[in-house]
Amino acid sequence: SSGGFILRRGRNLVLRQCETDRVEGDGIYLTGVAGSLLENNKIGAASGKAADCIQYAYENKDRNISSDAVIRGNLLLQSPESASRKGGLVCVMTKGYLVEYNFIGGKNFSFGSSGDDAVVRSNVMRDGRMQGYSFGYAVSDQKAHERHHVYDNLIENNMRGICLTGFADEGKALRKDMNIHDNVISDCRIGFLADRPWTGSFRRNVFVKCSEDILLRGCGCSTSGDIGENYRNDGSFLNVTPPEIRVGPGGSVSVSSGMWTSQPDEIRIQWRDGGIDIPGANRPSIAVKGGVELSCVLLARKKQNWMLAIAETAYDDFTPRAWEEGKLPWRRRYLRF
């Protein structure tokens, strides 16, 4: 057909376990939707030149801003072979969106994320390679945006892995409070690029076989944020079996060391609440109280190579379709207490 699901100015929308295939336009197109859950859908590669798998569109009017979106467990099957000249997922001027446990294929890009208050975690974003500027994840329009928390993602086979960029008003498009950490950025020409003014931090990310790890240029060289504690890997030292989270009696939680391609020279442990490091929580076990969303990252080193792994446990009340169909390589990573 000429288009898939087209949803305009609605409220409290749930679109679950749907499929599109051989659709010329966007697989799912939303504009002005307040409250949406897109869960466990399978969206085939778009065949139209200007089509994305999923697009939250702005249409140049504030009444078309979407808000409070959850996008999880989906298979977005954009690919380099598609006739489209766009990508997998687009959130334009969106306010408040959680994107997790998705497989997001790309062509010109994987995920164009140009909104505010975004949490983007545990997604695979890959194959944005059509142009020299193509990317896996980017805040990339001409407007200012703020508060992106991007962590625990695998971003691979893109021209640029993560970008803070744009296409006009270079000095004005501030990217404020960007918190980007614990991502594996693999096989990209440039791992992280910033050419707009930005604040926040870029830390504890691992670059695997990237031609250039970090490129700051123009206004992107000036930031009040922190850029450091990022690591390299030549591809010879990888995580084979993820660490396991185990919940014991009395609120105790522990983590295993996982398995690696060879015995690590050292392993560092960091427990987190809502993706934010818990100060001093660096041991294999932790006592947990209520009101916590717990996760754990392990950073391992073999000689000069570093690799990270996010601890896992079994899915319970929600299982991502992307995992069931073999496109997502990990299980549940975030435990609420």
Protein backbone atom coordinates (compact mmCIF):
# COMPACT_ATOMS: atom_id res chain seq x y z
CA SER A 1 0.00 0.00 0.00
CA SER A 2 1.02 3.64 -0.18
CA GLY A 3 1.21 3.95 3.61
CA GLY A 4 0.99 1.93 6.79
CA PHE A 5 -0.59 3.14 10.04
CA ILE A 6 -1.28 6.90 9.92
CA LEU A 7 -2.25 8.35 13.30
CA ARG A 8 -3.00 12.04 13.79
CA ARG A 9 -3.68 14.01 16.95
CA GLY A 10 -4.99 11.21 19.13
CA ARG A 11 -4.55 10.33 22.79
CA ASN A 12 -3.48 7.21 24.67
CA LEU A 13 -2.74 5.06 21.65
CA VAL A 14 -1.54 1.45 21.92
CA LEU A 15 -0.23 -0.25 18.79
CA ARG A 16 1.00 -3.74 19.64
CA GLN A 17 2.02 -6.87 17.73
CA CYS A 18 1.23 -5.38 14.31
CA GLU A 19 3.14 -5.84 11.07
CA THR A 20 3.73 -3.91 7.87
CA ASP A 21 5.29 -5.24 4.70
CA ARG A 22 5.73 -3.87 1.19
CA VAL A 23 4.56 -0.41 2.31
CA GLU A 24 5.75 2.49 0.18
CA GLY A 25 5.38 5.20 2.84
CA ASP A 26 6.17 5.18 6.55
CA GLY A 27 5.28 1.96 8.29
CA ILE A 28 3.88 3.89 11.28
CA TYR A 29 3.35 7.65 11.02
CA LEU A 30 2.24 9.67 14.05
CA THR A 31 1.77 13.38 14.58
CA GLY A 32 0.27 15.27 17.50
CA VAL A 33 -0.28 12.09 19.56
CA ALA A 34 -0.29 12.55 23.35
CA GLY A 35 0.51 9.24 25.02
CA SER A 36 1.51 6.31 22.79
CA LEU A 37 2.85 2.80 23.22
CA LEU A 38 4.36 1.12 20.15
CA GLU A 39 5.25 -2.36 21.35
CA ASN A 40 6.46 -5.54 19.64
CA ASN A 41 5.59 -4.47 16.12
CA LYS A 42 7.41 -5.72 13.04
CA ILE A 43 7.87 -2.99 10.46
CA GLY A 44 9.32 -4.02 7.13
CA ALA A 45 11.77 -1.93 5.14
CA ALA A 46 10.13 1.14 3.63
CA SER A 47 10.15 1.18 -0.16
CA GLY A 48 9.43 4.89 -0.75
CA LYS A 49 12.40 7.23 -1.09
CA ALA A 50 11.22 9.49 1.76
CA ALA A 51 9.88 6.73 4.02
CA ASP A 52 10.92 5.62 7.53
CA CYS A 53 9.83 2.55 9.44
CA ILE A 54 8.41 4.73 12.26
CA GLN A 55 8.14 8.52 12.24
CA TYR A 56 6.89 10.88 14.94
CA ALA A 57 6.39 13.92 12.70
CA TYR A 58 6.19 17.62 13.53
CA GLU A 59 4.74 18.99 10.26
CA ASN A 60 6.11 22.46 11.15
CA LYS A 61 3.36 23.26 13.69
CA ASP A 62 3.56 23.01 17.47
CA ARG A 63 0.09 21.45 17.64
CA ASN A 64 1.64 18.42 15.94
CA ILE A 65 4.20 17.79 18.70
CA SER A 66 3.81 14.30 20.12
CA SER A 67 4.49 13.55 23.78
CA ASP A 68 4.82 10.70 26.28
CA ALA A 69 5.85 7.96 23.85
CA VAL A 70 7.10 4.46 24.64
CA ILE A 71 8.71 2.52 21.78
CA ARG A 72 9.88 -0.93 22.86
CA GLY A 73 10.50 -4.42 21.61
CA ASN A 74 9.98 -3.55 17.95
CA LEU A 75 11.69 -4.85 14.83
CA LEU A 76 12.37 -1.97 12.44
CA LEU A 77 13.77 -3.64 9.38
CA GLN A 78 15.08 -0.77 7.32
CA SER A 79 18.17 -1.96 5.46
CA PRO A 80 20.88 -0.85 3.03
CA GLU A 81 19.03 -2.74 0.29
CA SER A 82 15.84 -0.68 0.74
CA ALA A 83 14.75 1.87 -1.86
CA SER A 84 14.26 4.40 0.96
CA ARG A 85 16.75 7.22 1.40
CA LYS A 86 15.85 7.68 5.08
CA GLY A 87 15.96 5.43 8.14
CA GLY A 88 14.45 3.27 10.83
CA LEU A 89 13.07 5.58 13.54
CA VAL A 90 12.48 9.35 13.66
CA CYS A 91 11.27 11.40 16.64
CA VAL A 92 10.97 15.05 15.60
CA MET A 93 10.20 17.64 18.33
CA THR A 94 8.84 14.80 20.49
CA LYS A 95 8.49 15.54 24.21
CA GLY A 96 9.27 12.70 26.59
CA TYR A 97 10.04 9.36 24.92
CA LEU A 98 11.41 6.03 26.08
CA VAL A 99 12.99 3.83 23.40
CA GLU A 100 14.18 0.42 24.61
CA TYR A 101 14.78 -3.19 23.50
CA ASN A 102 14.31 -2.45 19.79
CA PHE A 103 16.21 -3.58 16.71
CA ILE A 104 16.50 -0.47 14.52
CA GLY A 105 17.86 -1.06 11.05
CA GLY A 106 18.97 1.83 8.90
CA LYS A 107 20.04 3.09 5.53
CA ASN A 108 20.77 6.83 5.57
CA PHE A 109 20.48 6.57 9.36
CA SER A 110 19.12 4.31 12.06
CA PHE A 111 17.56 6.69 14.66
CA GLY A 112 17.05 10.43 14.17
CA SER A 113 16.25 11.62 17.70
CA SER A 114 15.45 15.34 17.68
CA GLY A 115 13.22 15.90 20.70
CA ASP A 116 13.51 16.54 24.42
CA ASP A 117 13.57 14.30 27.50
CA ALA A 118 14.60 11.11 25.74
CA VAL A 119 15.69 7.85 27.36
CA VAL A 120 17.24 5.53 24.77
CA ARG A 121 18.61 2.23 26.08
CA SER A 122 19.34 -1.36 25.12
CA ASN A 123 18.66 -0.97 21.40
CA VAL A 124 20.57 -2.27 18.40
CA MET A 125 21.08 0.60 15.92
CA ARG A 126 22.89 -0.28 12.74
CA ASP A 127 23.55 0.17 9.03
CA GLY A 128 23.37 3.95 8.56
CA ARG A 129 25.91 4.13 5.73
CA MET A 130 24.29 5.71 2.68
CA GLN A 131 26.08 9.07 2.95
CA GLY A 132 29.26 10.31 4.58
CA TYR A 133 27.12 11.95 7.29
CA SER A 134 24.92 8.87 7.91
CA PHE A 135 24.61 7.78 11.54
CA GLY A 136 23.33 5.34 14.10
CA TYR A 137 21.96 7.81 16.67
CA ALA A 138 21.85 11.58 16.25
CA VAL A 139 20.33 14.77 17.55
CA SER A 140 20.51 16.35 14.16
CA ASP A 141 18.06 19.13 13.30
CA GLN A 142 18.46 22.93 13.46
CA LYS A 143 16.69 23.46 16.81
CA ALA A 144 17.99 23.28 20.39
CA HIS A 145 17.24 20.05 22.31
CA GLU A 146 17.88 18.84 25.83
CA ARG A 147 18.06 15.92 28.22
CA HIS A 148 18.96 12.82 26.23
CA HIS A 149 19.99 9.81 28.33
CA VAL A 150 21.53 7.29 25.93
CA TYR A 151 23.03 4.11 27.38
CA ASP A 152 23.51 0.35 27.01
CA ASN A 153 23.03 0.41 23.23
CA LEU A 154 24.90 -1.46 20.49
CA ILE A 155 25.54 0.98 17.64
CA GLU A 156 27.26 -0.74 14.74
CA ASN A 157 28.15 -0.49 11.07
CA ASN A 158 27.37 3.21 10.63
CA MET A 159 29.36 6.03 9.09
CA ARG A 160 29.00 7.88 12.40
CA GLY A 161 27.97 6.15 15.58
CA ILE A 162 26.52 8.91 17.80
CA CYS A 163 26.23 12.52 16.59
CA LEU A 164 25.36 15.87 18.12
CA THR A 165 24.98 17.76 14.88
CA GLY A 166 22.50 19.57 12.63
CA PHE A 167 22.05 21.13 9.23
CA ALA A 168 21.65 24.87 10.00
CA ASP A 169 22.21 27.48 12.73
CA GLU A 170 25.42 25.82 13.84
CA GLY A 171 26.05 28.11 16.82
CA LYS A 172 22.46 28.16 18.12
CA ALA A 173 21.35 24.54 18.17
CA LEU A 174 22.45 23.76 21.74
CA ARG A 175 22.38 20.10 22.81
CA LYS A 176 21.90 20.50 26.56
CA ASP A 177 22.35 17.81 29.24
CA MET A 178 23.37 14.96 26.97
CA ASN A 179 24.22 11.94 29.19
CA ILE A 180 25.75 9.28 26.93
CA HIS A 181 27.44 6.28 28.52
CA ASP A 182 27.96 2.51 28.50
CA ASN A 183 27.37 2.09 24.76
CA VAL A 184 29.32 -0.21 22.46
CA ILE A 185 30.06 1.63 19.21
CA SER A 186 31.38 -0.80 16.63
CA ASP A 187 32.66 -0.69 13.04
CA CYS A 188 31.88 2.99 12.48
CA ARG A 189 34.00 5.47 10.54
CA ILE A 190 33.59 7.99 13.39
CA GLY A 191 32.42 6.76 16.78
CA PHE A 192 31.25 10.05 18.31
CA LEU A 193 30.93 13.40 16.57
CA ALA A 194 29.88 16.77 18.01
CA ASP A 195 29.88 19.93 15.89
CA ARG A 196 27.20 21.86 17.83
CA PRO A 197 27.51 23.40 21.28
CA TRP A 198 26.63 20.81 23.90
CA THR A 199 26.68 20.13 27.61
CA GLY A 200 26.57 16.91 29.59
CA SER A 201 28.91 13.94 29.42
CA PHE A 202 30.19 11.25 27.09
CA ARG A 203 31.92 8.55 29.11
CA ARG A 204 32.53 4.84 29.61
CA ASN A 205 31.73 3.98 26.01
CA VAL A 206 33.72 1.36 24.11
CA PHE A 207 34.85 1.84 20.51
CA VAL A 208 35.33 -1.45 18.66
CA LYS A 209 37.22 -1.19 15.38
CA CYS A 210 36.19 2.40 14.66
CA SER A 211 38.38 4.34 12.21
CA GLU A 212 38.22 7.46 14.41
CA ASP A 213 36.85 7.29 17.94
CA ILE A 214 35.95 10.92 18.76
CA LEU A 215 35.76 13.99 16.54
CA LEU A 216 34.94 17.40 18.06
CA ARG A 217 34.90 20.30 15.63
CA GLY A 218 33.47 23.78 15.28
CA CYS A 219 31.08 24.65 18.10
CA GLY A 220 31.26 21.05 19.29
CA CYS A 221 34.72 21.72 20.71
CA SER A 222 33.24 23.99 23.39
CA THR A 223 31.35 22.13 26.10
CA SER A 224 30.93 22.41 29.82
CA GLY A 225 30.37 18.68 29.96
CA ASP A 226 32.76 15.81 30.50
CA ILE A 227 34.34 13.64 27.85
CA GLY A 228 36.56 10.91 29.20
CA GLU A 229 36.92 7.33 30.42
CA ASN A 230 36.12 5.98 26.97
CA TYR A 231 37.91 2.87 25.74
CA ARG A 232 39.15 1.08 22.62
CA ASN A 233 38.93 -2.50 21.45
CA ASP A 234 40.49 -4.01 18.34
CA GLY A 235 37.83 -6.75 18.23
CA SER A 236 39.96 -9.48 19.78
CA PHE A 237 38.46 -9.32 23.28
CA LEU A 238 34.68 -9.66 23.57
CA ASN A 239 31.99 -10.73 25.99
CA VAL A 240 30.73 -14.25 25.18
CA THR A 241 28.16 -14.85 27.94
CA PRO A 242 26.64 -11.80 29.66
CA PRO A 243 26.90 -11.46 33.44
CA GLU A 244 23.87 -12.81 35.29
CA ILE A 245 21.89 -10.81 37.86
CA ARG A 246 20.66 -12.97 40.72
CA VAL A 247 18.08 -11.82 43.27
CA GLY A 248 18.52 -13.38 46.69
CA PRO A 249 16.55 -13.22 49.94
CA GLY A 250 16.25 -10.10 52.04
CA GLY A 251 16.79 -7.63 49.20
CA SER A 252 20.25 -8.85 48.22
CA VAL A 253 21.22 -8.83 44.54
CA SER A 254 24.44 -10.21 43.06
CA VAL A 255 26.10 -10.35 39.66
CA SER A 256 28.34 -12.97 38.04
CA SER A 257 31.44 -12.17 35.98
CA GLY A 258 30.10 -13.58 32.72
CA MET A 259 32.34 -15.26 30.15
CA TRP A 260 34.82 -13.57 27.83
CA THR A 261 36.88 -14.65 24.83
CA SER A 262 39.86 -14.88 27.22
CA GLN A 263 40.38 -14.41 30.95
CA PRO A 264 40.23 -10.65 31.74
CA ASP A 265 43.16 -8.98 33.44
CA GLU A 266 40.67 -6.96 35.47
CA ILE A 267 36.92 -6.45 35.84
CA ARG A 268 35.21 -3.34 37.17
CA ILE A 269 31.63 -3.44 38.47
CA GLN A 270 29.18 -0.54 38.66
CA TRP A 271 25.61 -0.80 39.94
CA ARG A 272 23.16 1.84 38.73
CA ASP A 273 19.73 3.22 39.61
CA GLY A 274 17.77 4.41 36.58
CA GLY A 275 20.99 4.17 34.60
CA ILE A 276 22.81 6.53 37.00
CA ASP A 277 25.83 5.21 38.91
CA ILE A 278 25.25 4.45 42.59
CA PRO A 279 28.28 5.92 44.40
CA GLY A 280 30.49 3.24 45.93
CA ALA A 281 28.41 0.34 44.55
CA ASN A 282 31.31 -1.53 42.94
CA ARG A 283 31.14 -4.98 44.56
CA PRO A 284 29.58 -8.20 43.17
CA SER A 285 26.57 -7.85 45.49
CA ILE A 286 24.34 -5.04 46.71
CA ALA A 287 21.48 -4.64 49.21
CA VAL A 288 18.46 -3.07 47.53
CA LYS A 289 15.61 -1.05 49.00
CA GLY A 290 12.31 -0.20 47.35
CA GLY A 291 11.90 2.48 44.70
CA VAL A 292 15.01 1.46 42.73
CA GLU A 293 15.41 0.51 39.07
CA LEU A 294 18.58 -1.55 39.31
CA SER A 295 21.05 -2.43 36.57
CA CYS A 296 24.73 -3.31 36.49
CA VAL A 297 27.55 -2.74 33.99
CA LEU A 298 30.83 -4.69 33.99
CA LEU A 299 33.90 -3.23 32.31
CA ALA A 300 36.63 -5.78 31.56
CA ARG A 301 40.17 -5.39 30.24
CA LYS A 302 42.53 -7.77 28.47
CA LYS A 303 45.89 -6.05 27.91
CA GLN A 304 45.02 -2.82 26.06
CA ASN A 305 41.52 -3.93 25.02
CA TRP A 306 38.44 -2.97 27.02
CA MET A 307 34.91 -4.30 26.67
CA LEU A 308 31.70 -3.75 28.61
CA ALA A 309 28.74 -6.02 29.31
CA ILE A 310 25.38 -5.23 30.88
CA ALA A 311 24.14 -7.82 33.37
CA GLU A 312 20.97 -9.71 32.48
CA THR A 313 18.21 -11.87 33.83
CA ALA A 314 15.20 -13.64 32.32
CA TYR A 315 12.28 -11.72 30.86
CA ASP A 316 9.12 -11.98 32.91
CA ASP A 317 5.97 -9.95 32.18
CA PHE A 318 7.34 -8.41 28.97
CA THR A 319 9.35 -10.16 26.25
CA PRO A 320 10.58 -8.08 23.28
CA ARG A 321 9.59 -9.35 19.89
CA ALA A 322 13.01 -8.25 18.68
CA TRP A 323 14.52 -10.80 21.08
CA GLU A 324 12.04 -13.56 20.21
CA GLU A 325 12.89 -13.21 16.52
CA GLY A 326 16.64 -13.26 17.08
CA LYS A 327 17.49 -9.63 16.31
CA LEU A 328 18.14 -8.51 19.89
CA PRO A 329 21.03 -10.32 21.61
CA TRP A 330 20.20 -9.63 25.25
CA ARG A 331 17.56 -10.32 27.90
CA ARG A 332 16.07 -8.12 30.63
CA ARG A 333 18.56 -5.61 32.04
CA TYR A 334 16.53 -3.37 34.38
CA LEU A 335 14.92 -4.64 37.60
CA ARG A 336 12.42 -2.63 39.61
CA PHE A 337 12.22 -3.04 43.37
